[in-house]
N, C-alpha and C. Protein backbone atom coordinates (compact mmCIF):
# COMPACT_ATOMS: atom_id res chain seq x y z
N MET A 1 94.06 46.81 110.97
CA MET A 1 95.27 47.54 111.30
C MET A 1 95.36 47.69 112.81
N ASN A 2 96.53 47.37 113.38
CA ASN A 2 96.69 47.34 114.83
C ASN A 2 97.18 48.65 115.43
N ILE A 3 97.50 49.62 114.59
CA ILE A 3 98.03 50.89 115.08
C ILE A 3 96.95 51.96 114.98
N LYS A 4 96.81 52.76 116.05
CA LYS A 4 95.81 53.82 116.08
C LYS A 4 96.47 55.16 116.36
N LYS A 5 95.72 56.23 116.17
CA LYS A 5 96.21 57.58 116.43
C LYS A 5 96.61 57.70 117.90
N ASN A 6 97.69 58.45 118.17
CA ASN A 6 98.25 58.71 119.50
C ASN A 6 98.98 57.52 120.13
N ASP A 7 99.13 56.40 119.41
CA ASP A 7 99.94 55.28 119.89
C ASP A 7 101.41 55.65 119.76
N LYS A 8 102.24 55.04 120.59
CA LYS A 8 103.69 55.20 120.46
C LYS A 8 104.20 53.99 119.69
N VAL A 9 104.99 54.24 118.64
CA VAL A 9 105.49 53.16 117.80
C VAL A 9 107.00 53.26 117.64
N LYS A 10 107.62 52.13 117.30
CA LYS A 10 109.06 52.08 117.02
C LYS A 10 109.21 51.70 115.55
N ILE A 11 110.12 52.39 114.85
CA ILE A 11 110.35 52.15 113.43
C ILE A 11 111.28 50.95 113.28
N LEU A 12 110.88 49.97 112.44
CA LEU A 12 111.65 48.75 112.25
C LEU A 12 112.51 48.78 110.98
N ALA A 13 112.15 49.63 110.01
CA ALA A 13 112.89 49.68 108.75
C ALA A 13 112.84 51.08 108.17
N GLY A 14 113.85 51.41 107.37
CA GLY A 14 113.88 52.71 106.71
C GLY A 14 114.95 53.61 107.28
N LYS A 15 114.93 54.87 106.86
CA LYS A 15 115.98 55.81 107.26
C LYS A 15 115.94 56.17 108.74
N ASP A 16 114.80 55.98 109.40
CA ASP A 16 114.66 56.30 110.82
C ASP A 16 114.58 55.04 111.69
N LYS A 17 115.19 53.95 111.22
CA LYS A 17 115.14 52.67 111.94
C LYS A 17 115.66 52.82 113.37
N GLY A 18 114.89 52.25 114.33
CA GLY A 18 115.29 52.29 115.74
C GLY A 18 114.70 53.45 116.52
N LYS A 19 114.19 54.46 115.83
CA LYS A 19 113.61 55.62 116.52
C LYS A 19 112.15 55.34 116.84
N SER A 20 111.62 56.10 117.80
CA SER A 20 110.22 55.92 118.15
C SER A 20 109.54 57.28 118.23
N GLY A 21 108.23 57.29 118.06
CA GLY A 21 107.46 58.52 118.10
C GLY A 21 105.97 58.25 118.18
N LYS A 22 105.20 59.32 118.26
CA LYS A 22 103.75 59.25 118.40
C LYS A 22 103.09 59.31 117.03
N VAL A 23 102.05 58.50 116.84
CA VAL A 23 101.32 58.45 115.57
C VAL A 23 100.41 59.67 115.47
N LEU A 24 100.55 60.43 114.37
CA LEU A 24 99.73 61.61 114.16
C LEU A 24 98.46 61.31 113.38
N GLN A 25 98.60 60.46 112.36
CA GLN A 25 97.48 60.21 111.47
C GLN A 25 97.59 58.79 110.92
N VAL A 26 96.45 58.14 110.68
CA VAL A 26 96.43 56.77 110.19
C VAL A 26 95.52 56.69 108.96
N LEU A 27 95.98 55.94 107.95
CA LEU A 27 95.16 55.64 106.78
C LEU A 27 94.96 54.13 106.73
N PRO A 28 93.89 53.61 107.37
CA PRO A 28 93.71 52.16 107.44
C PRO A 28 93.49 51.50 106.08
N SER A 29 92.86 52.21 105.14
CA SER A 29 92.61 51.61 103.83
C SER A 29 93.90 51.38 103.06
N GLU A 30 94.92 52.21 103.32
CA GLU A 30 96.21 52.08 102.64
C GLU A 30 97.27 51.43 103.53
N ASN A 31 96.91 51.11 104.78
CA ASN A 31 97.82 50.50 105.76
C ASN A 31 99.05 51.38 105.99
N LYS A 32 98.82 52.69 106.17
CA LYS A 32 99.91 53.65 106.37
C LYS A 32 99.63 54.53 107.57
N ALA A 33 100.72 55.09 108.13
CA ALA A 33 100.60 56.02 109.26
C ALA A 33 101.73 57.03 109.18
N SER A 34 101.50 58.23 109.76
CA SER A 34 102.56 59.23 109.84
C SER A 34 102.92 59.41 111.31
N ILE A 35 104.24 59.55 111.57
CA ILE A 35 104.75 59.62 112.93
C ILE A 35 105.39 60.98 113.16
N GLU A 36 105.13 61.56 114.31
CA GLU A 36 105.60 62.89 114.66
C GLU A 36 107.13 62.97 114.65
N GLY A 37 107.68 63.84 113.81
CA GLY A 37 109.11 64.09 113.76
C GLY A 37 109.95 63.04 113.04
N LEU A 38 109.31 62.02 112.46
CA LEU A 38 110.05 60.97 111.77
C LEU A 38 109.60 60.86 110.31
N ASN A 39 110.47 60.30 109.47
CA ASN A 39 110.22 60.14 108.04
C ASN A 39 109.84 61.47 107.40
N LEU A 40 110.64 62.49 107.68
CA LEU A 40 110.35 63.83 107.21
C LEU A 40 110.61 63.97 105.71
N ALA A 41 109.67 64.55 105.01
CA ALA A 41 109.80 64.85 103.59
C ALA A 41 109.83 66.37 103.43
N VAL A 42 110.42 66.83 102.33
CA VAL A 42 110.56 68.26 102.09
C VAL A 42 109.74 68.64 100.87
N LYS A 43 108.97 69.70 101.01
CA LYS A 43 108.17 70.24 99.91
C LYS A 43 108.65 71.65 99.64
N HIS A 44 108.96 71.97 98.38
CA HIS A 44 109.42 73.30 98.00
C HIS A 44 108.23 74.13 97.53
N MET A 45 108.05 75.29 98.14
CA MET A 45 106.94 76.17 97.79
C MET A 45 107.48 77.37 97.01
N ARG A 46 106.88 77.68 95.89
CA ARG A 46 107.28 78.83 95.09
C ARG A 46 106.74 80.11 95.71
N PRO A 47 107.41 81.22 95.47
CA PRO A 47 106.85 82.49 95.95
C PRO A 47 105.60 82.85 95.14
N ASN A 48 104.58 83.37 95.81
CA ASN A 48 103.33 83.72 95.14
C ASN A 48 103.38 85.13 94.54
N ARG A 49 103.99 86.06 95.26
CA ARG A 49 104.02 87.45 94.81
C ARG A 49 105.46 87.91 94.61
N ASN A 50 105.62 89.06 93.97
CA ASN A 50 106.94 89.65 93.81
C ASN A 50 107.50 90.07 95.17
N GLY A 51 108.77 89.84 95.39
CA GLY A 51 109.39 90.21 96.65
C GLY A 51 109.25 89.15 97.73
N GLU A 52 108.43 88.16 97.52
CA GLU A 52 108.25 87.10 98.50
C GLU A 52 109.28 86.01 98.24
N LYS A 53 109.72 85.33 99.29
CA LYS A 53 110.71 84.27 99.14
C LYS A 53 110.04 82.91 99.07
N GLY A 54 110.72 81.99 98.40
CA GLY A 54 110.26 80.60 98.38
C GLY A 54 110.57 79.94 99.71
N GLN A 55 109.97 78.79 99.95
CA GLN A 55 110.14 78.11 101.24
C GLN A 55 110.37 76.63 101.03
N ARG A 56 111.02 76.03 102.03
CA ARG A 56 111.12 74.58 102.12
C ARG A 56 110.30 74.16 103.33
N ILE A 57 109.28 73.36 103.12
CA ILE A 57 108.42 72.92 104.21
C ILE A 57 108.70 71.45 104.49
N GLU A 58 109.04 71.14 105.74
CA GLU A 58 109.24 69.75 106.14
C GLU A 58 107.96 69.25 106.81
N PHE A 59 107.56 68.02 106.47
CA PHE A 59 106.38 67.43 107.07
C PHE A 59 106.59 65.93 107.21
N PRO A 60 105.94 65.29 108.20
CA PRO A 60 106.07 63.84 108.36
C PRO A 60 105.27 63.11 107.28
N ALA A 61 105.96 62.35 106.45
CA ALA A 61 105.31 61.62 105.36
C ALA A 61 104.75 60.30 105.91
N PHE A 62 103.82 59.74 105.19
CA PHE A 62 103.24 58.46 105.58
C PHE A 62 104.23 57.34 105.28
N MET A 63 104.20 56.31 106.13
CA MET A 63 105.00 55.11 105.87
C MET A 63 104.15 53.89 106.19
N LYS A 64 104.54 52.75 105.63
CA LYS A 64 103.75 51.54 105.81
C LYS A 64 103.74 51.10 107.27
N ALA A 65 102.59 50.63 107.71
CA ALA A 65 102.44 50.18 109.10
C ALA A 65 103.21 48.89 109.34
N ASP A 66 103.57 48.17 108.26
CA ASP A 66 104.37 46.96 108.41
C ASP A 66 105.77 47.27 108.92
N ASN A 67 106.23 48.50 108.71
CA ASN A 67 107.58 48.90 109.11
C ASN A 67 107.63 49.53 110.50
N MET A 68 106.58 49.35 111.29
CA MET A 68 106.56 49.89 112.65
C MET A 68 105.94 48.89 113.61
N ALA A 69 106.37 48.95 114.86
CA ALA A 69 105.83 48.07 115.90
C ALA A 69 105.30 48.93 117.04
N LEU A 70 104.18 48.53 117.58
CA LEU A 70 103.57 49.24 118.69
C LEU A 70 104.42 49.08 119.95
N VAL A 71 104.62 50.18 120.68
CA VAL A 71 105.33 50.13 121.97
C VAL A 71 104.27 50.01 123.05
N CYS A 72 104.36 48.94 123.84
CA CYS A 72 103.38 48.68 124.90
C CYS A 72 103.53 49.74 125.99
N PRO A 73 102.43 50.40 126.39
CA PRO A 73 102.52 51.41 127.45
C PRO A 73 102.82 50.81 128.83
N LYS A 74 102.55 49.52 129.02
CA LYS A 74 102.78 48.89 130.32
C LYS A 74 104.23 48.43 130.49
N CYS A 75 104.74 47.64 129.51
CA CYS A 75 106.10 47.09 129.65
C CYS A 75 107.14 47.91 128.91
N GLY A 76 106.75 48.81 128.03
CA GLY A 76 107.67 49.71 127.35
C GLY A 76 108.48 49.08 126.22
N GLN A 77 108.11 47.88 125.79
CA GLN A 77 108.82 47.21 124.72
C GLN A 77 108.03 47.24 123.42
N ALA A 78 108.76 47.22 122.29
CA ALA A 78 108.10 47.11 120.99
C ALA A 78 107.56 45.69 120.89
N THR A 79 106.31 45.57 120.53
CA THR A 79 105.66 44.26 120.58
C THR A 79 104.70 44.05 119.43
N ARG A 80 104.37 42.79 119.23
CA ARG A 80 103.30 42.46 118.29
C ARG A 80 101.98 42.64 119.05
N VAL A 81 100.89 42.68 118.31
CA VAL A 81 99.59 42.94 118.93
C VAL A 81 98.66 41.76 118.70
N GLY A 82 98.04 41.30 119.78
CA GLY A 82 97.02 40.27 119.69
C GLY A 82 95.67 40.90 120.00
N HIS A 83 94.62 40.10 119.91
CA HIS A 83 93.28 40.60 120.19
C HIS A 83 92.57 39.67 121.15
N LYS A 84 91.75 40.26 122.02
CA LYS A 84 91.01 39.49 123.01
C LYS A 84 89.61 40.10 123.12
N THR A 85 88.59 39.25 123.17
CA THR A 85 87.24 39.75 123.39
C THR A 85 86.87 39.51 124.84
N VAL A 86 86.33 40.55 125.47
CA VAL A 86 85.96 40.49 126.89
C VAL A 86 84.46 40.73 127.00
N LYS A 87 83.78 39.79 127.66
CA LYS A 87 82.35 39.93 127.87
C LYS A 87 82.09 40.54 129.24
N THR A 88 81.21 41.53 129.27
CA THR A 88 80.80 42.12 130.55
C THR A 88 79.31 41.90 130.71
N GLU A 89 78.87 41.83 131.94
CA GLU A 89 77.45 41.55 132.20
C GLU A 89 76.57 42.68 131.70
N GLY A 90 75.52 42.33 130.98
CA GLY A 90 74.56 43.30 130.49
C GLY A 90 75.01 44.07 129.26
N LYS A 91 76.23 43.86 128.81
CA LYS A 91 76.73 44.57 127.63
C LYS A 91 77.26 43.57 126.61
N ALA A 92 77.41 44.04 125.39
CA ALA A 92 77.95 43.18 124.33
C ALA A 92 79.45 42.99 124.55
N ALA A 93 79.99 41.93 123.96
CA ALA A 93 81.42 41.66 124.07
C ALA A 93 82.21 42.75 123.35
N LYS A 94 83.33 43.15 123.92
CA LYS A 94 84.15 44.20 123.36
C LYS A 94 85.53 43.63 123.02
N LYS A 95 86.07 44.06 121.90
CA LYS A 95 87.36 43.56 121.43
C LYS A 95 88.47 44.53 121.85
N PHE A 96 89.55 44.02 122.45
CA PHE A 96 90.67 44.82 122.91
C PHE A 96 91.96 44.36 122.24
N ARG A 97 92.93 45.28 122.15
CA ARG A 97 94.28 44.92 121.71
C ARG A 97 95.07 44.44 122.91
N VAL A 98 95.93 43.43 122.71
CA VAL A 98 96.69 42.84 123.80
C VAL A 98 98.16 42.77 123.41
N CYS A 99 99.04 43.14 124.36
CA CYS A 99 100.49 43.03 124.17
C CYS A 99 100.87 41.56 124.20
N LYS A 100 101.64 41.10 123.21
CA LYS A 100 102.05 39.71 123.14
C LYS A 100 103.15 39.36 124.15
N LYS A 101 103.85 40.38 124.68
CA LYS A 101 104.95 40.11 125.60
C LYS A 101 104.49 40.05 127.05
N CYS A 102 103.64 41.01 127.48
CA CYS A 102 103.22 41.03 128.89
C CYS A 102 101.75 40.67 129.08
N GLN A 103 101.04 40.40 127.98
CA GLN A 103 99.62 40.00 128.02
C GLN A 103 98.69 41.03 128.63
N GLU A 104 99.10 42.31 128.67
CA GLU A 104 98.26 43.38 129.20
C GLU A 104 97.39 43.96 128.09
N ILE A 105 96.20 44.42 128.47
CA ILE A 105 95.29 45.04 127.51
C ILE A 105 95.77 46.46 127.19
N ILE A 106 95.80 46.80 125.92
CA ILE A 106 96.21 48.12 125.46
C ILE A 106 94.95 48.90 125.14
N GLU A 107 94.75 50.01 125.82
CA GLU A 107 93.53 50.83 125.61
C GLU A 107 93.71 51.74 124.42
């Protein structure tokens, strides 16, 4: 999965198509992520005690990572993600994400 927590992503499909936001949580095993303020779902809570009111709670629901594209922090465009391994002296090779449009490494 190419999307990580705190990345900025743009929504490609669904009710929030075209909007962008920050990733709050990622489920790599299910290939899903939740985005701050987008894809909001409503949960109705019953009152627990007498005299208490019920509530409607809005929360960002998970959506498939296939429906979002990473926004490159360098060029600011929604892009696909490539991978590059960089070898440093005395250390093992490290794998980085790379923007396909500007070829910059995404940390």
